């Protein structure tokens, strides 16, 4: 019983066909999310800063460790 609770069976998953990025973007937009594609990972902080500024949102951010080396400060964002 404990093993079943710790590792429940996977539920149904939709079949994904075609370009995965395109599929992700379409599904995100269908759920009223916003999507912006950037040319490189290094461009992500700037895109995030523009999104926050457009919404009048705070510029304090938290990110995963693997993205800590991106130039967040150069984009005008502060890390918590």
PDB file of N, CA and C in Angstrom:
ATOM      1  N   UNK A   1       0.826  -1.189   0.000  1.00  0.00           N
ATOM      2  CA  UNK A   1       0.000   0.000   0.000  1.00  0.00           C
ATOM      3  C   UNK A   1       0.874   1.258   0.000  1.00  0.00           C
ATOM      4  N   UNK A   2       1.903   1.294   0.838  1.00  0.00           N
ATOM      5  CA  UNK A   2       2.772   2.470   0.906  1.00  0.00           C
ATOM      6  C   UNK A   2       3.468   2.690  -0.430  1.00  0.00           C
ATOM      7  N   UNK A   3       3.924   1.615  -1.070  1.00  0.00           N
ATOM      8  CA  UNK A   3       4.594   1.742  -2.367  1.00  0.00           C
ATOM      9  C   UNK A   3       3.645   2.307  -3.415  1.00  0.00           C
ATOM     10  N   UNK A   4       2.379   1.912  -3.372  1.00  0.00           N
ATOM     11  CA  UNK A   4       1.399   2.418  -4.337  1.00  0.00           C
ATOM     12  C   UNK A   4       1.137   3.904  -4.132  1.00  0.00           C
ATOM     13  N   UNK A   5       1.108   4.339  -2.896  1.00  0.00           N
ATOM     14  CA  UNK A   5       0.887   5.758  -2.606  1.00  0.00           C
ATOM     15  C   UNK A   5       2.125   6.569  -2.981  1.00  0.00           C
ATOM     16  N   UNK A   6       3.300   6.014  -2.735  1.00  0.00           N
ATOM     17  CA  UNK A   6       4.543   6.722  -3.031  1.00  0.00           C
ATOM     18  C   UNK A   6       4.786   6.852  -4.529  1.00  0.00           C
ATOM     19  N   UNK A   7       4.306   5.911  -5.312  1.00  0.00           N
ATOM     20  CA  UNK A   7       4.514   5.945  -6.765  1.00  0.00           C
ATOM     21  C   UNK A   7       3.203   5.614  -7.472  1.00  0.00           C
ATOM     22  N   UNK A   8       2.266   6.565  -7.474  1.00  0.00           N
ATOM     23  CA  UNK A   8       0.975   6.285  -8.116  1.00  0.00           C
ATOM     24  C   UNK A   8       1.149   6.104  -9.625  1.00  0.00           C
ATOM     25  N   UNK A   9       0.265   5.350 -10.238  1.00  0.00           N
ATOM     26  CA  UNK A   9       0.381   5.173 -11.688  1.00  0.00           C
ATOM     27  C   UNK A   9       0.142   6.498 -12.404  1.00  0.00           C
ATOM     28  N   UNK A  10       0.797   6.659 -13.533  1.00  0.00           N
ATOM     29  CA  UNK A  10       0.633   7.884 -14.320  1.00  0.00           C
ATOM     30  C   UNK A  10      -0.775   7.933 -14.896  1.00  0.00           C
ATOM     31  N   UNK A  11      -1.347   9.111 -14.897  1.00  0.00           N
ATOM     32  CA  UNK A  11      -2.663   9.305 -15.482  1.00  0.00           C
ATOM     33  C   UNK A  11      -2.575   9.404 -16.991  1.00  0.00           C
ATOM     34  N   UNK A  12      -3.700   9.595 -17.630  1.00  0.00           N
ATOM     35  CA  UNK A  12      -3.687   9.701 -19.092  1.00  0.00           C
ATOM     36  C   UNK A  12      -2.928  10.941 -19.548  1.00  0.00           C
ATOM     37  N   UNK A  13      -2.234  10.803 -20.648  1.00  0.00           N
ATOM     38  CA  UNK A  13      -1.470  11.916 -21.209  1.00  0.00           C
ATOM     39  C   UNK A  13      -1.911  12.133 -22.650  1.00  0.00           C
ATOM     40  N   UNK A  14      -2.004  13.382 -23.056  1.00  0.00           N
ATOM     41  CA  UNK A  14      -2.371  13.625 -24.454  1.00  0.00           C
ATOM     42  C   UNK A  14      -1.230  13.212 -25.383  1.00  0.00           C
ATOM     43  N   UNK A  15      -1.602  12.765 -26.570  1.00  0.00           N
ATOM     44  CA  UNK A  15      -0.576  12.425 -27.562  1.00  0.00           C
ATOM     45  C   UNK A  15      -0.074  13.713 -28.185  1.00  0.00           C
ATOM     46  N   UNK A  16       1.225  13.900 -28.156  1.00  0.00           N
ATOM     47  CA  UNK A  16       1.834  15.092 -28.727  1.00  0.00           C
ATOM     48  C   UNK A  16       2.436  14.734 -30.073  1.00  0.00           C
ATOM     49  N   UNK A  17       2.039  15.464 -31.082  1.00  0.00           N
ATOM     50  CA  UNK A  17       2.589  15.241 -32.411  1.00  0.00           C
ATOM     51  C   UNK A  17       3.120  16.558 -32.950  1.00  0.00           C
ATOM     52  N   UNK A  18       4.050  16.473 -33.847  1.00  0.00           N
ATOM     53  CA  UNK A  18       4.604  17.678 -34.450  1.00  0.00           C
ATOM     54  C   UNK A  18       5.657  18.323 -33.570  1.00  0.00           C
ATOM     55  N   UNK A  19       5.857  19.609 -33.788  1.00  0.00           N
ATOM     56  CA  UNK A  19       6.873  20.386 -33.081  1.00  0.00           C
ATOM     57  C   UNK A  19       6.454  20.597 -31.628  1.00  0.00           C
ATOM     58  N   UNK A  20       7.280  20.172 -30.684  1.00  0.00           N
ATOM     59  CA  UNK A  20       6.921  20.265 -29.267  1.00  0.00           C
ATOM     60  C   UNK A  20       6.822  21.706 -28.782  1.00  0.00           C
ATOM     61  N   UNK A  21       7.683  22.596 -29.275  1.00  0.00           N
ATOM     62  CA  UNK A  21       7.611  24.006 -28.878  1.00  0.00           C
ATOM     63  C   UNK A  21       6.297  24.604 -29.359  1.00  0.00           C
ATOM     64  N   UNK A  22       5.931  24.322 -30.597  1.00  0.00           N
ATOM     65  CA  UNK A  22       4.672  24.825 -31.145  1.00  0.00           C
ATOM     66  C   UNK A  22       3.487  24.283 -30.350  1.00  0.00           C
ATOM     67  N   UNK A  23       3.535  23.004 -30.008  1.00  0.00           N
ATOM     68  CA  UNK A  23       2.468  22.381 -29.218  1.00  0.00           C
ATOM     69  C   UNK A  23       2.366  23.044 -27.847  1.00  0.00           C
ATOM     70  N   UNK A  24       3.501  23.278 -27.194  1.00  0.00           N
ATOM     71  CA  UNK A  24       3.509  23.937 -25.890  1.00  0.00           C
ATOM     72  C   UNK A  24       2.904  25.334 -25.986  1.00  0.00           C
ATOM     73  N   UNK A  25       3.316  26.093 -26.996  1.00  0.00           N
ATOM     74  CA  UNK A  25       2.814  27.462 -27.156  1.00  0.00           C
ATOM     75  C   UNK A  25       1.308  27.472 -27.384  1.00  0.00           C
ATOM     76  N   UNK A  26       0.820  26.600 -28.241  1.00  0.00           N
ATOM     77  CA  UNK A  26      -0.620  26.542 -28.521  1.00  0.00           C
ATOM     78  C   UNK A  26      -1.411  26.186 -27.268  1.00  0.00           C
ATOM     79  N   UNK A  27      -0.942  25.204 -26.527  1.00  0.00           N
ATOM     80  CA  UNK A  27      -1.657  24.806 -25.304  1.00  0.00           C
ATOM     81  C   UNK A  27      -1.605  25.910 -24.247  1.00  0.00           C
ATOM     82  N   UNK A  28      -0.477  26.587 -24.147  1.00  0.00           N
ATOM     83  CA  UNK A  28      -0.356  27.687 -23.184  1.00  0.00           C
ATOM     84  C   UNK A  28      -1.319  28.812 -23.529  1.00  0.00           C
ATOM     85  N   UNK A  29      -1.363  29.187 -24.798  1.00  0.00           N
ATOM     86  CA  UNK A  29      -2.262  30.259 -25.228  1.00  0.00           C
ATOM     87  C   UNK A  29      -3.722  29.860 -25.048  1.00  0.00           C
ATOM     88  N   UNK A  30      -4.032  28.584 -25.238  1.00  0.00           N
ATOM     89  CA  UNK A  30      -5.398  28.105 -25.040  1.00  0.00           C
ATOM     90  C   UNK A  30      -5.828  28.219 -23.582  1.00  0.00           C
ATOM     91  N   UNK A  31      -4.859  28.251 -22.665  1.00  0.00           N
ATOM     92  CA  UNK A  31      -5.163  28.391 -21.237  1.00  0.00           C
ATOM     93  C   UNK A  31      -4.977  29.828 -20.766  1.00  0.00           C
ATOM     94  N   UNK A  32      -4.994  30.767 -21.706  1.00  0.00           N
ATOM     95  CA  UNK A  32      -4.875  32.200 -21.419  1.00  0.00           C
ATOM     96  C   UNK A  32      -3.535  32.584 -20.810  1.00  0.00           C
ATOM     97  N   UNK A  33      -2.507  31.801 -21.077  1.00  0.00           N
ATOM     98  CA  UNK A  33      -1.151  32.166 -20.657  1.00  0.00           C
ATOM     99  C   UNK A  33      -0.533  33.026 -21.744  1.00  0.00           C
ATOM    100  N   UNK A  34       0.515  33.733 -21.403  1.00  0.00           N
ATOM    101  CA  UNK A  34       1.246  34.483 -22.421  1.00  0.00           C
ATOM    102  C   UNK A  34       2.507  33.701 -22.767  1.00  0.00           C
ATOM    103  N   UNK A  35       2.965  33.875 -23.992  1.00  0.00           N
ATOM    104  CA  UNK A  35       4.143  33.164 -24.470  1.00  0.00           C
ATOM    105  C   UNK A  35       4.999  34.142 -25.251  1.00  0.00           C
ATOM    106  N   UNK A  36       6.283  34.137 -24.993  1.00  0.00           N
ATOM    107  CA  UNK A  36       7.224  34.888 -25.815  1.00  0.00           C
ATOM    108  C   UNK A  36       8.404  33.980 -26.105  1.00  0.00           C
ATOM    109  N   UNK A  37       8.735  33.835 -27.361  1.00  0.00           N
ATOM    110  CA  UNK A  37       9.899  33.046 -27.738  1.00  0.00           C
ATOM    111  C   UNK A  37      11.083  33.983 -27.887  1.00  0.00           C
ATOM    112  N   UNK A  38      12.221  33.574 -27.341  1.00  0.00           N
ATOM    113  CA  UNK A  38      13.437  34.383 -27.417  1.00  0.00           C
ATOM    114  C   UNK A  38      14.472  33.644 -28.261  1.00  0.00           C
ATOM    115  N   UNK A  39      15.407  34.404 -28.812  1.00  0.00           N
ATOM    116  CA  UNK A  39      16.417  33.828 -29.702  1.00  0.00           C
ATOM    117  C   UNK A  39      17.396  32.920 -28.970  1.00  0.00           C
ATOM    118  N   UNK A  40      17.627  33.201 -27.695  1.00  0.00           N
ATOM    119  CA  UNK A  40      18.574  32.397 -26.922  1.00  0.00           C
ATOM    120  C   UNK A  40      18.197  32.462 -25.452  1.00  0.00           C
ATOM    121  N   UNK A  41      18.751  31.565 -24.675  1.00  0.00           N
ATOM    122  CA  UNK A  41      18.511  31.568 -23.236  1.00  0.00           C
ATOM    123  C   UNK A  41      18.997  32.869 -22.614  1.00  0.00           C
ATOM    124  N   UNK A  42      20.088  33.417 -23.130  1.00  0.00           N
ATOM    125  CA  UNK A  42      20.633  34.671 -22.600  1.00  0.00           C
ATOM    126  C   UNK A  42      19.649  35.828 -22.752  1.00  0.00           C
ATOM    127  N   UNK A  43      18.721  35.728 -23.686  1.00  0.00           N
ATOM    128  CA  UNK A  43      17.736  36.789 -23.900  1.00  0.00           C
ATOM    129  C   UNK A  43      16.541  36.683 -22.950  1.00  0.00           C
ATOM    130  N   UNK A  44      16.439  35.603 -22.207  1.00  0.00           N
ATOM    131  CA  UNK A  44      15.293  35.392 -21.319  1.00  0.00           C
ATOM    132  C   UNK A  44      15.148  36.466 -20.239  1.00  0.00           C
ATOM    133  N   UNK A  45      16.208  36.879 -19.534  1.00  0.00           N
ATOM    134  CA  UNK A  45      16.025  37.915 -18.510  1.00  0.00           C
ATOM    135  C   UNK A  45      15.419  39.208 -19.069  1.00  0.00           C
ATOM    136  N   UNK A  46      15.834  39.618 -20.251  1.00  0.00           N
ATOM    137  CA  UNK A  46      15.273  40.820 -20.860  1.00  0.00           C
ATOM    138  C   UNK A  46      13.798  40.663 -21.170  1.00  0.00           C
ATOM    139  N   UNK A  47      13.415  39.498 -21.683  1.00  0.00           N
ATOM    140  CA  UNK A  47      12.008  39.236 -21.982  1.00  0.00           C
ATOM    141  C   UNK A  47      11.175  39.233 -20.704  1.00  0.00           C
ATOM    142  N   UNK A  48      11.715  38.654 -19.655  1.00  0.00           N
ATOM    143  CA  UNK A  48      11.003  38.622 -18.372  1.00  0.00           C
ATOM    144  C   UNK A  48      10.878  40.029 -17.802  1.00  0.00           C
ATOM    145  N   UNK A  49      11.932  40.823 -17.907  1.00  0.00           N
ATOM    146  CA  UNK A  49      11.892  42.207 -17.418  1.00  0.00           C
ATOM    147  C   UNK A  49      10.833  43.012 -18.168  1.00  0.00           C
ATOM    148  N   UNK A  50      10.740  42.838 -19.480  1.00  0.00           N
ATOM    149  CA  UNK A  50       9.718  43.548 -20.266  1.00  0.00           C
ATOM    150  C   UNK A  50       8.318  43.129 -19.849  1.00  0.00           C
ATOM    151  N   UNK A  51       8.128  41.837 -19.616  1.00  0.00           N
ATOM    152  CA  UNK A  51       6.825  41.332 -19.185  1.00  0.00           C
ATOM    153  C   UNK A  51       6.426  41.943 -17.841  1.00  0.00           C
ATOM    154  N   UNK A  52       7.354  41.953 -16.903  1.00  0.00           N
ATOM    155  CA  UNK A  52       7.067  42.505 -15.577  1.00  0.00           C
ATOM    156  C   UNK A  52       6.784  44.001 -15.655  1.00  0.00           C
ATOM    157  N   UNK A  53       7.571  44.725 -16.450  1.00  0.00           N
ATOM    158  CA  UNK A  53       7.375  46.174 -16.586  1.00  0.00           C
ATOM    159  C   UNK A  53       6.022  46.479 -17.216  1.00  0.00           C
ATOM    160  N   UNK A  54       5.632  45.717 -18.228  1.00  0.00           N
ATOM    161  CA  UNK A  54       4.349  45.952 -18.900  1.00  0.00           C
ATOM    162  C   UNK A  54       3.175  45.754 -17.952  1.00  0.00           C
ATOM    163  N   UNK A  55       3.337  44.863 -16.996  1.00  0.00           N
ATOM    164  CA  UNK A  55       2.269  44.610 -16.032  1.00  0.00           C
ATOM    165  C   UNK A  55       2.405  45.403 -14.752  1.00  0.00           C
ATOM    166  N   UNK A  56       3.425  46.268 -14.673  1.00  0.00           N
ATOM    167  CA  UNK A  56       3.646  47.030 -13.449  1.00  0.00           C
ATOM    168  C   UNK A  56       3.957  46.136 -12.262  1.00  0.00           C
ATOM    169  N   UNK A  57       4.650  45.052 -12.511  1.00  0.00           N
ATOM    170  CA  UNK A  57       4.933  44.060 -11.473  1.00  0.00           C
ATOM    171  C   UNK A  57       6.314  44.265 -10.864  1.00  0.00           C
ATOM    172  N   UNK A  58       6.544  43.774  -9.651  1.00  0.00           N
ATOM    173  CA  UNK A  58       7.862  43.895  -9.009  1.00  0.00           C
ATOM    174  C   UNK A  58       8.940  43.186  -9.825  1.00  0.00           C
ATOM    175  N   UNK A  59      10.162  43.660  -9.681  1.00  0.00           N
ATOM    176  CA  UNK A  59      11.270  43.098 -10.455  1.00  0.00           C
ATOM    177  C   UNK A  59      12.145  42.142  -9.653  1.00  0.00           C
ATOM    178  N   UNK A  60      11.723  41.764  -8.470  1.00  0.00           N
ATOM    179  CA  UNK A  60      12.454  40.774  -7.677  1.00  0.00           C
ATOM    180  C   UNK A  60      12.119  39.387  -8.220  1.00  0.00           C
ATOM    181  N   UNK A  61      13.141  38.585  -8.455  1.00  0.00           N
ATOM    182  CA  UNK A  61      12.938  37.277  -9.072  1.00  0.00           C
ATOM    183  C   UNK A  61      13.601  36.159  -8.279  1.00  0.00           C
ATOM    184  N   UNK A  62      13.120  34.972  -8.523  1.00  0.00           N
ATOM    185  CA  UNK A  62      13.729  33.744  -8.008  1.00  0.00           C
ATOM    186  C   UNK A  62      13.811  32.799  -9.193  1.00  0.00           C
ATOM    187  N   UNK A  63      14.941  32.121  -9.348  1.00  0.00           N
ATOM    188  CA  UNK A  63      15.056  31.180 -10.466  1.00  0.00           C
ATOM    189  C   UNK A  63      15.774  29.921 -10.008  1.00  0.00           C
ATOM    190  N   UNK A  64      15.683  28.912 -10.855  1.00  0.00           N
ATOM    191  CA  UNK A  64      16.409  27.681 -10.593  1.00  0.00           C
ATOM    192  C   UNK A  64      17.905  27.939 -10.658  1.00  0.00           C
ATOM    193  N   UNK A  65      18.645  27.154  -9.921  1.00  0.00           N
ATOM    194  CA  UNK A  65      20.094  27.306  -9.833  1.00  0.00           C
ATOM    195  C   UNK A  65      20.766  27.289 -11.212  1.00  0.00           C
ATOM    196  N   UNK A  66      20.266  26.455 -12.124  1.00  0.00           N
ATOM    197  CA  UNK A  66      20.923  26.362 -13.431  1.00  0.00           C
ATOM    198  C   UNK A  66      20.783  27.629 -14.269  1.00  0.00           C
ATOM    199  N   UNK A  67      19.925  28.559 -13.856  1.00  0.00           N
ATOM    200  CA  UNK A  67      19.770  29.826 -14.587  1.00  0.00           C
ATOM    201  C   UNK A  67      20.351  31.016 -13.823  1.00  0.00           C
ATOM    202  N   UNK A  68      21.005  30.760 -12.722  1.00  0.00           N
ATOM    203  CA  UNK A  68      21.543  31.839 -11.884  1.00  0.00           C
ATOM    204  C   UNK A  68      22.611  32.658 -12.589  1.00  0.00           C
ATOM    205  N   UNK A  69      23.318  32.075 -13.538  1.00  0.00           N
ATOM    206  CA  UNK A  69      24.405  32.782 -14.221  1.00  0.00           C
ATOM    207  C   UNK A  69      23.921  33.724 -15.326  1.00  0.00           C
ATOM    208  N   UNK A  70      22.639  33.702 -15.642  1.00  0.00           N
ATOM    209  CA  UNK A  70      22.127  34.642 -16.646  1.00  0.00           C
ATOM    210  C   UNK A  70      22.210  36.058 -16.092  1.00  0.00           C
ATOM    211  N   UNK A  71      22.227  37.043 -16.969  1.00  0.00           N
ATOM    212  CA  UNK A  71      22.416  38.441 -16.553  1.00  0.00           C
ATOM    213  C   UNK A  71      21.094  39.066 -16.101  1.00  0.00           C
ATOM    214  N   UNK A  72      20.638  38.650 -14.933  1.00  0.00           N
ATOM    215  CA  UNK A  72      19.392  39.172 -14.382  1.00  0.00           C
ATOM    216  C   UNK A  72      19.541  40.645 -14.016  1.00  0.00           C
ATOM    217  N   UNK A  73      20.650  41.009 -13.385  1.00  0.00           N
ATOM    218  CA  UNK A  73      20.875  42.403 -12.982  1.00  0.00           C
ATOM    219  C   UNK A  73      20.961  43.309 -14.203  1.00  0.00           C
ATOM    220  N   UNK A  74      21.593  42.844 -15.270  1.00  0.00           N
ATOM    221  CA  UNK A  74      21.694  43.627 -16.493  1.00  0.00           C
ATOM    222  C   UNK A  74      20.345  43.905 -17.124  1.00  0.00           C
ATOM    223  N   UNK A  75      19.373  43.059 -16.834  1.00  0.00           N
ATOM    224  CA  UNK A  75      18.014  43.252 -17.338  1.00  0.00           C
ATOM    225  C   UNK A  75      17.184  44.101 -16.378  1.00  0.00           C
ATOM    226  N   UNK A  76      17.806  44.529 -15.264  1.00  0.00           N
ATOM    227  CA  UNK A  76      17.089  45.345 -14.288  1.00  0.00           C
ATOM    228  C   UNK A  76      16.309  44.547 -13.271  1.00  0.00           C
ATOM    229  N   UNK A  77      16.633  43.263 -13.137  1.00  0.00           N
ATOM    230  CA  UNK A  77      15.935  42.401 -12.186  1.00  0.00           C
ATOM    231  C   UNK A  77      16.831  42.114 -10.990  1.00  0.00           C
ATOM    232  N   UNK A  78      16.224  41.961  -9.839  1.00  0.00           N
ATOM    233  CA  UNK A  78      16.976  41.627  -8.633  1.00  0.00           C
ATOM    234  C   UNK A  78      16.642  40.204  -8.208  1.00  0.00           C
ATOM    235  N   UNK A  79      17.594  39.536  -7.598  1.00  0.00           N
ATOM    236  CA  UNK A  79      17.389  38.171  -7.125  1.00  0.00           C
ATOM    237  C   UNK A  79      17.063  38.175  -5.648  1.00  0.00           C
ATOM    238  N   UNK A  80      16.154  37.332  -5.273  1.00  0.00           N
ATOM    239  CA  UNK A  80      15.819  37.173  -3.854  1.00  0.00           C
ATOM    240  C   UNK A  80      16.656  36.062  -3.266  1.00  0.00           C
TER     241      UNK A  80
END
